Amino acid sequence: MKIKPFKLERYYTLYEHSSEHSLCNSDCEAMTISDLLALEDGAKDTFNATWLGYTHTQGSPKLRQDISAIYNKVISKELMVCTGA
């Protein structure tokens, strides 16, 4: 079986990292984690203290609380946060 090259993938392979400007991306400008954390006071300390082990089955209670605060009729107990993988 001979599969035709996927033109968009070939384009990115050739030009994504060598072009000075890209006008066709659908994502935001890339940045380092350090630059991202600098956008919010205290974010670096919070990031460095983040536990990477197993969490609660329904997801982090703090994250569920923050998500439920966005909505009028949702409480954190009704939420389940998952990776979607």
PDB file of N, CA and C in Angstrom:
ATOM      1  N   MET A   1       0.840  -1.163   0.000  1.00  0.00           N
ATOM      2  CA  MET A   1       0.000   0.000   0.000  1.00  0.00           C
ATOM      3  C   MET A   1       0.894   1.238   0.000  1.00  0.00           C
ATOM      4  N   LYS A   2       0.574   2.160  -0.864  1.00  0.00           N
ATOM      5  CA  LYS A   2       1.320   3.407  -0.918  1.00  0.00           C
ATOM      6  C   LYS A   2       0.385   4.547  -0.497  1.00  0.00           C
ATOM      7  N   ILE A   3       0.757   5.222   0.570  1.00  0.00           N
ATOM      8  CA  ILE A   3      -0.059   6.311   1.092  1.00  0.00           C
ATOM      9  C   ILE A   3       0.559   7.636   0.670  1.00  0.00           C
ATOM     10  N   LYS A   4      -0.279   8.520   0.147  1.00  0.00           N
ATOM     11  CA  LYS A   4       0.204   9.833  -0.268  1.00  0.00           C
ATOM     12  C   LYS A   4       0.655  10.624   0.962  1.00  0.00           C
ATOM     13  N   PRO A   5       1.708  11.416   0.822  1.00  0.00           N
ATOM     14  CA  PRO A   5       2.153  12.247   1.946  1.00  0.00           C
ATOM     15  C   PRO A   5       1.045  13.218   2.375  1.00  0.00           C
ATOM     16  N   PHE A   6       0.914  13.413   3.663  1.00  0.00           N
ATOM     17  CA  PHE A   6      -0.047  14.361   4.212  1.00  0.00           C
ATOM     18  C   PHE A   6       0.582  15.748   4.108  1.00  0.00           C
ATOM     19  N   LYS A   7       0.028  16.589   3.241  1.00  0.00           N
ATOM     20  CA  LYS A   7       0.671  17.853   2.884  1.00  0.00           C
ATOM     21  C   LYS A   7       0.880  18.790   4.071  1.00  0.00           C
ATOM     22  N   LEU A   8      -0.068  18.883   4.966  1.00  0.00           N
ATOM     23  CA  LEU A   8       0.086  19.776   6.109  1.00  0.00           C
ATOM     24  C   LEU A   8       1.233  19.301   7.007  1.00  0.00           C
ATOM     25  N   GLU A   9       1.311  18.019   7.248  1.00  0.00           N
ATOM     26  CA  GLU A   9       2.399  17.482   8.066  1.00  0.00           C
ATOM     27  C   GLU A   9       3.736  17.744   7.404  1.00  0.00           C
ATOM     28  N   ARG A  10       3.818  17.582   6.106  1.00  0.00           N
ATOM     29  CA  ARG A  10       5.062  17.830   5.380  1.00  0.00           C
ATOM     30  C   ARG A  10       5.445  19.313   5.479  1.00  0.00           C
ATOM     31  N   TYR A  11       4.457  20.196   5.355  1.00  0.00           N
ATOM     32  CA  TYR A  11       4.708  21.633   5.467  1.00  0.00           C
ATOM     33  C   TYR A  11       5.332  21.950   6.823  1.00  0.00           C
ATOM     34  N   TYR A  12       4.702  21.448   7.895  1.00  0.00           N
ATOM     35  CA  TYR A  12       5.235  21.723   9.233  1.00  0.00           C
ATOM     36  C   TYR A  12       6.609  21.106   9.432  1.00  0.00           C
ATOM     37  N   THR A  13       6.821  19.938   8.893  1.00  0.00           N
ATOM     38  CA  THR A  13       8.136  19.311   9.002  1.00  0.00           C
ATOM     39  C   THR A  13       9.212  20.191   8.378  1.00  0.00           C
ATOM     40  N   LEU A  14       8.902  20.793   7.255  1.00  0.00           N
ATOM     41  CA  LEU A  14       9.884  21.610   6.551  1.00  0.00           C
ATOM     42  C   LEU A  14      10.047  23.013   7.126  1.00  0.00           C
ATOM     43  N   TYR A  15       8.952  23.624   7.610  1.00  0.00           N
ATOM     44  CA  TYR A  15       9.007  25.051   7.919  1.00  0.00           C
ATOM     45  C   TYR A  15       8.682  25.471   9.355  1.00  0.00           C
ATOM     46  N   GLU A  16       8.116  24.583  10.152  1.00  0.00           N
ATOM     47  CA  GLU A  16       7.636  24.991  11.479  1.00  0.00           C
ATOM     48  C   GLU A  16       8.728  25.622  12.343  1.00  0.00           C
ATOM     49  N   HIS A  17       9.914  25.071  12.324  1.00  0.00           N
ATOM     50  CA  HIS A  17      10.974  25.555  13.208  1.00  0.00           C
ATOM     51  C   HIS A  17      12.017  26.421  12.499  1.00  0.00           C
ATOM     52  N   SER A  18      11.822  26.674  11.225  1.00  0.00           N
ATOM     53  CA  SER A  18      12.808  27.470  10.502  1.00  0.00           C
ATOM     54  C   SER A  18      12.265  28.799   9.994  1.00  0.00           C
ATOM     55  N   SER A  19      10.953  28.987  10.030  1.00  0.00           N
ATOM     56  CA  SER A  19      10.362  30.241   9.559  1.00  0.00           C
ATOM     57  C   SER A  19      10.423  31.308  10.642  1.00  0.00           C
ATOM     58  N   GLU A  20      10.666  32.542  10.230  1.00  0.00           N
ATOM     59  CA  GLU A  20      10.707  33.644  11.193  1.00  0.00           C
ATOM     60  C   GLU A  20       9.313  33.954  11.733  1.00  0.00           C
ATOM     61  N   HIS A  21       8.299  33.892  10.857  1.00  0.00           N
ATOM     62  CA  HIS A  21       6.919  34.171  11.259  1.00  0.00           C
ATOM     63  C   HIS A  21       6.022  33.064  10.736  1.00  0.00           C
ATOM     64  N   SER A  22       5.030  32.681  11.545  1.00  0.00           N
ATOM     65  CA  SER A  22       4.053  31.688  11.118  1.00  0.00           C
ATOM     66  C   SER A  22       2.664  32.292  11.262  1.00  0.00           C
ATOM     67  N   LEU A  23       1.939  32.328  10.172  1.00  0.00           N
ATOM     68  CA  LEU A  23       0.601  32.909  10.178  1.00  0.00           C
ATOM     69  C   LEU A  23      -0.495  31.848  10.093  1.00  0.00           C
ATOM     70  N   CYS A  24      -0.135  30.589  10.266  1.00  0.00           N
ATOM     71  CA  CYS A  24      -1.127  29.534  10.068  1.00  0.00           C
ATOM     72  C   CYS A  24      -1.355  28.662  11.296  1.00  0.00           C
ATOM     73  N   ASN A  25      -0.772  28.993  12.436  1.00  0.00           N
ATOM     74  CA  ASN A  25      -0.951  28.157  13.623  1.00  0.00           C
ATOM     75  C   ASN A  25      -2.295  28.413  14.288  1.00  0.00           C
ATOM     76  N   SER A  26      -2.816  27.379  14.923  1.00  0.00           N
ATOM     77  CA  SER A  26      -4.071  27.529  15.659  1.00  0.00           C
ATOM     78  C   SER A  26      -3.819  27.559  17.166  1.00  0.00           C
ATOM     79  N   ASP A  27      -2.576  27.485  17.573  1.00  0.00           N
ATOM     80  CA  ASP A  27      -2.257  27.511  18.994  1.00  0.00           C
ATOM     81  C   ASP A  27      -1.617  28.847  19.372  1.00  0.00           C
ATOM     82  N   CYS A  28      -1.399  29.034  20.653  1.00  0.00           N
ATOM     83  CA  CYS A  28      -0.785  30.285  21.104  1.00  0.00           C
ATOM     84  C   CYS A  28       0.733  30.216  20.940  1.00  0.00           C
ATOM     85  N   GLU A  29       1.361  31.345  21.119  1.00  0.00           N
ATOM     86  CA  GLU A  29       2.822  31.398  21.040  1.00  0.00           C
ATOM     87  C   GLU A  29       3.410  30.531  22.145  1.00  0.00           C
ATOM     88  N   ALA A  30       4.403  29.753  21.808  1.00  0.00           N
ATOM     89  CA  ALA A  30       5.047  28.883  22.785  1.00  0.00           C
ATOM     90  C   ALA A  30       5.837  29.720  23.791  1.00  0.00           C
ATOM     91  N   MET A  31       5.936  29.205  24.998  1.00  0.00           N
ATOM     92  CA  MET A  31       6.717  29.870  26.035  1.00  0.00           C
ATOM     93  C   MET A  31       7.263  28.826  26.988  1.00  0.00           C
ATOM     94  N   THR A  32       8.226  29.220  27.782  1.00  0.00           N
ATOM     95  CA  THR A  32       8.786  28.312  28.772  1.00  0.00           C
ATOM     96  C   THR A  32       7.869  28.246  29.994  1.00  0.00           C
ATOM     97  N   ILE A  33       8.013  27.224  30.795  1.00  0.00           N
ATOM     98  CA  ILE A  33       7.258  27.125  32.039  1.00  0.00           C
ATOM     99  C   ILE A  33       7.599  28.310  32.943  1.00  0.00           C
ATOM    100  N   SER A  34       8.852  28.700  32.956  1.00  0.00           N
ATOM    101  CA  SER A  34       9.279  29.835  33.768  1.00  0.00           C
ATOM    102  C   SER A  34       8.544  31.111  33.362  1.00  0.00           C
ATOM    103  N   ASP A  35       8.443  31.371  32.057  1.00  0.00           N
ATOM    104  CA  ASP A  35       7.715  32.553  31.575  1.00  0.00           C
ATOM    105  C   ASP A  35       6.231  32.477  31.937  1.00  0.00           C
ATOM    106  N   LEU A  36       5.663  31.295  31.824  1.00  0.00           N
ATOM    107  CA  LEU A  36       4.251  31.119  32.165  1.00  0.00           C
ATOM    108  C   LEU A  36       4.009  31.388  33.647  1.00  0.00           C
ATOM    109  N   LEU A  37       4.853  30.838  34.509  1.00  0.00           N
ATOM    110  CA  LEU A  37       4.686  31.016  35.948  1.00  0.00           C
ATOM    111  C   LEU A  37       4.919  32.458  36.384  1.00  0.00           C
ATOM    112  N   ALA A  38       5.693  33.209  35.613  1.00  0.00           N
ATOM    113  CA  ALA A  38       5.965  34.611  35.945  1.00  0.00           C
ATOM    114  C   ALA A  38       4.736  35.493  35.751  1.00  0.00           C
ATOM    115  N   LEU A  39       3.708  34.992  35.087  1.00  0.00           N
ATOM    116  CA  LEU A  39       2.508  35.782  34.830  1.00  0.00           C
ATOM    117  C   LEU A  39       1.646  35.968  36.075  1.00  0.00           C
ATOM    118  N   GLU A  40       1.847  35.142  37.090  1.00  0.00           N
ATOM    119  CA  GLU A  40       1.021  35.234  38.302  1.00  0.00           C
ATOM    120  C   GLU A  40       1.908  35.192  39.542  1.00  0.00           C
ATOM    121  N   ASP A  41       1.712  36.133  40.429  1.00  0.00           N
ATOM    122  CA  ASP A  41       2.477  36.147  41.672  1.00  0.00           C
ATOM    123  C   ASP A  41       2.246  34.861  42.460  1.00  0.00           C
ATOM    124  N   GLY A  42       3.318  34.250  42.921  1.00  0.00           N
ATOM    125  CA  GLY A  42       3.222  33.044  43.739  1.00  0.00           C
ATOM    126  C   GLY A  42       3.052  31.758  42.960  1.00  0.00           C
ATOM    127  N   ALA A  43       2.901  31.842  41.648  1.00  0.00           N
ATOM    128  CA  ALA A  43       2.646  30.646  40.854  1.00  0.00           C
ATOM    129  C   ALA A  43       3.833  29.678  40.890  1.00  0.00           C
ATOM    130  N   LYS A  44       5.051  30.215  40.921  1.00  0.00           N
ATOM    131  CA  LYS A  44       6.231  29.340  40.947  1.00  0.00           C
ATOM    132  C   LYS A  44       6.260  28.503  42.221  1.00  0.00           C
ATOM    133  N   ASP A  45       5.965  29.118  43.355  1.00  0.00           N
ATOM    134  CA  ASP A  45       5.950  28.377  44.614  1.00  0.00           C
ATOM    135  C   ASP A  45       4.851  27.320  44.620  1.00  0.00           C
ATOM    136  N   THR A  46       3.678  27.681  44.115  1.00  0.00           N
ATOM    137  CA  THR A  46       2.569  26.731  44.035  1.00  0.00           C
ATOM    138  C   THR A  46       2.928  25.568  43.120  1.00  0.00           C
ATOM    139  N   PHE A  47       3.517  25.875  41.976  1.00  0.00           N
ATOM    140  CA  PHE A  47       3.930  24.835  41.027  1.00  0.00           C
ATOM    141  C   PHE A  47       4.961  23.900  41.656  1.00  0.00           C
ATOM    142  N   ASN A  48       5.949  24.484  42.321  1.00  0.00           N
ATOM    143  CA  ASN A  48       7.006  23.676  42.934  1.00  0.00           C
ATOM    144  C   ASN A  48       6.495  22.814  44.078  1.00  0.00           C
ATOM    145  N   ALA A  49       5.381  23.187  44.687  1.00  0.00           N
ATOM    146  CA  ALA A  49       4.821  22.425  45.801  1.00  0.00           C
ATOM    147  C   ALA A  49       3.739  21.440  45.347  1.00  0.00           C
ATOM    148  N   THR A  50       3.477  21.375  44.054  1.00  0.00           N
ATOM    149  CA  THR A  50       2.404  20.513  43.543  1.00  0.00           C
ATOM    150  C   THR A  50       2.764  19.039  43.680  1.00  0.00           C
ATOM    151  N   TRP A  51       1.857  18.299  44.290  1.00  0.00           N
ATOM    152  CA  TRP A  51       2.020  16.857  44.486  1.00  0.00           C
ATOM    153  C   TRP A  51       1.730  16.138  43.177  1.00  0.00           C
ATOM    154  N   LEU A  52       2.621  15.254  42.746  1.00  0.00           N
ATOM    155  CA  LEU A  52       2.442  14.540  41.477  1.00  0.00           C
ATOM    156  C   LEU A  52       2.026  13.087  41.668  1.00  0.00           C
ATOM    157  N   GLY A  53       1.633  12.735  42.873  1.00  0.00           N
ATOM    158  CA  GLY A  53       1.161  11.375  43.131  1.00  0.00           C
ATOM    159  C   GLY A  53      -0.327  11.265  42.840  1.00  0.00           C
ATOM    160  N   TYR A  54      -0.894  10.136  43.258  1.00  0.00           N
ATOM    161  CA  TYR A  54      -2.326   9.925  43.060  1.00  0.00           C
ATOM    162  C   TYR A  54      -3.127  10.943  43.850  1.00  0.00           C
ATOM    163  N   THR A  55      -4.255  11.356  43.296  1.00  0.00           N
ATOM    164  CA  THR A  55      -5.140  12.303  43.961  1.00  0.00           C
ATOM    165  C   THR A  55      -6.469  11.612  44.233  1.00  0.00           C
ATOM    166  N   HIS A  56      -7.440  12.341  44.683  1.00  0.00           N
ATOM    167  CA  HIS A  56      -8.763  11.803  44.941  1.00  0.00           C
ATOM    168  C   HIS A  56      -9.355  11.257  43.642  1.00  0.00           C
ATOM    169  N   THR A  57     -10.180  10.224  43.756  1.00  0.00           N
ATOM    170  CA  THR A  57     -10.763   9.575  42.586  1.00  0.00           C
ATOM    171  C   THR A  57     -11.548  10.552  41.721  1.00  0.00           C
ATOM    172  N   GLN A  58     -12.267  11.473  42.328  1.00  0.00           N
ATOM    173  CA  GLN A  58     -13.064  12.437  41.558  1.00  0.00           C
ATOM    174  C   GLN A  58     -12.249  13.636  41.091  1.00  0.00           C
ATOM    175  N   GLY A  59     -10.974  13.698  41.472  1.00  0.00           N
ATOM    176  CA  GLY A  59     -10.138  14.828  41.116  1.00  0.00           C
ATOM    177  C   GLY A  59      -9.840  15.682  42.340  1.00  0.00           C
ATOM    178  N   SER A  60      -8.943  16.595  42.197  1.00  0.00           N
ATOM    179  CA  SER A  60      -8.531  17.471  43.289  1.00  0.00           C
ATOM    180  C   SER A  60      -9.731  18.238  43.858  1.00  0.00           C
ATOM    181  N   PRO A  61      -9.954  18.158  45.168  1.00  0.00           N
ATOM    182  CA  PRO A  61     -11.066  18.906  45.757  1.00  0.00           C
ATOM    183  C   PRO A  61     -10.972  20.418  45.483  1.00  0.00           C
ATOM    184  N   LYS A  62      -9.782  20.976  45.528  1.00  0.00           N
ATOM    185  CA  LYS A  62      -9.602  22.413  45.261  1.00  0.00           C
ATOM    186  C   LYS A  62      -9.982  22.742  43.814  1.00  0.00           C
ATOM    187  N   LEU A  63      -9.550  21.919  42.876  1.00  0.00           N
ATOM    188  CA  LEU A  63      -9.887  22.145  41.473  1.00  0.00           C
ATOM    189  C   LEU A  63     -11.389  22.028  41.262  1.00  0.00           C
ATOM    190  N   ARG A  64     -12.023  21.017  41.858  1.00  0.00           N
ATOM    191  CA  ARG A  64     -13.476  20.849  41.716  1.00  0.00           C
ATOM    192  C   ARG A  64     -14.222  22.036  42.320  1.00  0.00           C
ATOM    193  N   GLN A  65     -13.716  22.556  43.436  1.00  0.00           N
ATOM    194  CA  GLN A  65     -14.326  23.733  44.066  1.00  0.00           C
ATOM    195  C   GLN A  65     -14.196  24.947  43.153  1.00  0.00           C
ATOM    196  N   ASP A  66     -13.013  25.137  42.560  1.00  0.00           N
ATOM    197  CA  ASP A  66     -12.797  26.272  41.655  1.00  0.00           C
ATOM    198  C   ASP A  66     -13.678  26.170  40.415  1.00  0.00           C
ATOM    199  N   ILE A  67     -13.835  24.971  39.882  1.00  0.00           N
ATOM    200  CA  ILE A  67     -14.688  24.778  38.699  1.00  0.00           C
ATOM    201  C   ILE A  67     -16.143  25.058  39.054  1.00  0.00           C
ATOM    202  N   SER A  68     -16.606  24.545  40.185  1.00  0.00           N
ATOM    203  CA  SER A  68     -18.012  24.743  40.567  1.00  0.00           C
ATOM    204  C   SER A  68     -18.324  26.218  40.822  1.00  0.00           C
ATOM    205  N   ALA A  69     -17.324  27.003  41.204  1.00  0.00           N
ATOM    206  CA  ALA A  69     -17.537  28.434  41.452  1.00  0.00           C
ATOM    207  C   ALA A  69     -17.877  29.190  40.167  1.00  0.00           C
ATOM    208  N   ILE A  70     -17.568  28.618  39.033  1.00  0.00           N
ATOM    209  CA  ILE A  70     -17.870  29.248  37.747  1.00  0.00           C
ATOM    210  C   ILE A  70     -19.363  29.161  37.429  1.00  0.00           C
ATOM    211  N   TYR A  71     -20.016  28.126  37.954  1.00  0.00           N
ATOM    212  CA  TYR A  71     -21.408  27.844  37.602  1.00  0.00           C
ATOM    213  C   TYR A  71     -22.357  28.160  38.762  1.00  0.00           C
ATOM    214  N   ASN A  72     -23.602  28.489  38.427  1.00  0.00           N
ATOM    215  CA  ASN A  72     -24.601  28.821  39.437  1.00  0.00           C
ATOM    216  C   ASN A  72     -25.232  27.594  40.088  1.00  0.00           C
ATOM    217  N   LYS A  73     -25.388  26.518  39.346  1.00  0.00           N
ATOM    218  CA  LYS A  73     -26.159  25.374  39.842  1.00  0.00           C
ATOM    219  C   LYS A  73     -25.343  24.098  39.975  1.00  0.00           C
ATOM    220  N   VAL A  74     -24.025  24.209  40.097  1.00  0.00           N
ATOM    221  CA  VAL A  74     -23.170  23.033  40.211  1.00  0.00           C
ATOM    222  C   VAL A  74     -22.368  23.146  41.496  1.00  0.00           C
ATOM    223  N   ILE A  75     -22.367  22.075  42.263  1.00  0.00           N
ATOM    224  CA  ILE A  75     -21.541  22.047  43.464  1.00  0.00           C
ATOM    225  C   ILE A  75     -20.386  21.078  43.240  1.00  0.00           C
ATOM    226  N   SER A  76     -19.318  21.266  43.983  1.00  0.00           N
ATOM    227  CA  SER A  76     -18.105  20.482  43.734  1.00  0.00           C
ATOM    228  C   SER A  76     -18.325  18.983  43.890  1.00  0.00           C
ATOM    229  N   LYS A  77     -19.243  18.589  44.771  1.00  0.00           N
ATOM    230  CA  LYS A  77     -19.529  17.159  44.967  1.00  0.00           C
ATOM    231  C   LYS A  77     -20.108  16.513  43.709  1.00  0.00           C
ATOM    232  N   GLU A  78     -20.678  17.306  42.820  1.00  0.00           N
ATOM    233  CA  GLU A  78     -21.288  16.795  41.595  1.00  0.00           C
ATOM    234  C   GLU A  78     -20.318  16.696  40.428  1.00  0.00           C
ATOM    235  N   LEU A  79     -19.070  17.117  40.651  1.00  0.00           N
ATOM    236  CA  LEU A  79     -18.077  17.150  39.574  1.00  0.00           C
ATOM    237  C   LEU A  79     -17.102  15.983  39.656  1.00  0.00           C
ATOM    238  N   MET A  80     -16.655  15.559  38.498  1.00  0.00           N
ATOM    239  CA  MET A  80     -15.541  14.617  38.403  1.00  0.00           C
ATOM    240  C   MET A  80     -14.567  15.181  37.381  1.00  0.00           C
ATOM    241  N   VAL A  81     -13.322  15.318  37.762  1.00  0.00           N
ATOM    242  CA  VAL A  81     -12.282  15.840  36.874  1.00  0.00           C
ATOM    243  C   VAL A  81     -11.419  14.675  36.432  1.00  0.00           C
ATOM    244  N   CYS A  82     -11.257  14.529  35.133  1.00  0.00           N
ATOM    245  CA  CYS A  82     -10.400  13.465  34.614  1.00  0.00           C
ATOM    246  C   CYS A  82      -9.563  14.015  33.453  1.00  0.00           C
ATOM    247  N   THR A  83      -8.564  13.255  33.065  1.00  0.00           N
ATOM    248  CA  THR A  83      -7.645  13.715  32.030  1.00  0.00           C
ATOM    249  C   THR A  83      -8.206  13.616  30.629  1.00  0.00           C
ATOM    250  N   GLY A  84      -9.183  12.784  30.442  1.00  0.00           N
ATOM    251  CA  GLY A  84      -9.742  12.614  29.117  1.00  0.00           C
ATOM    252  C   GLY A  84      -8.957  11.631  28.258  1.00  0.00           C
ATOM    253  N   ALA A  85      -7.963  11.013  28.862  1.00  0.00           N
ATOM    254  CA  ALA A  85      -7.135  10.067  28.095  1.00  0.00           C
ATOM    255  C   ALA A  85      -7.835   8.744  27.939  1.00  0.00           C
TER     256      ALA A  85
END
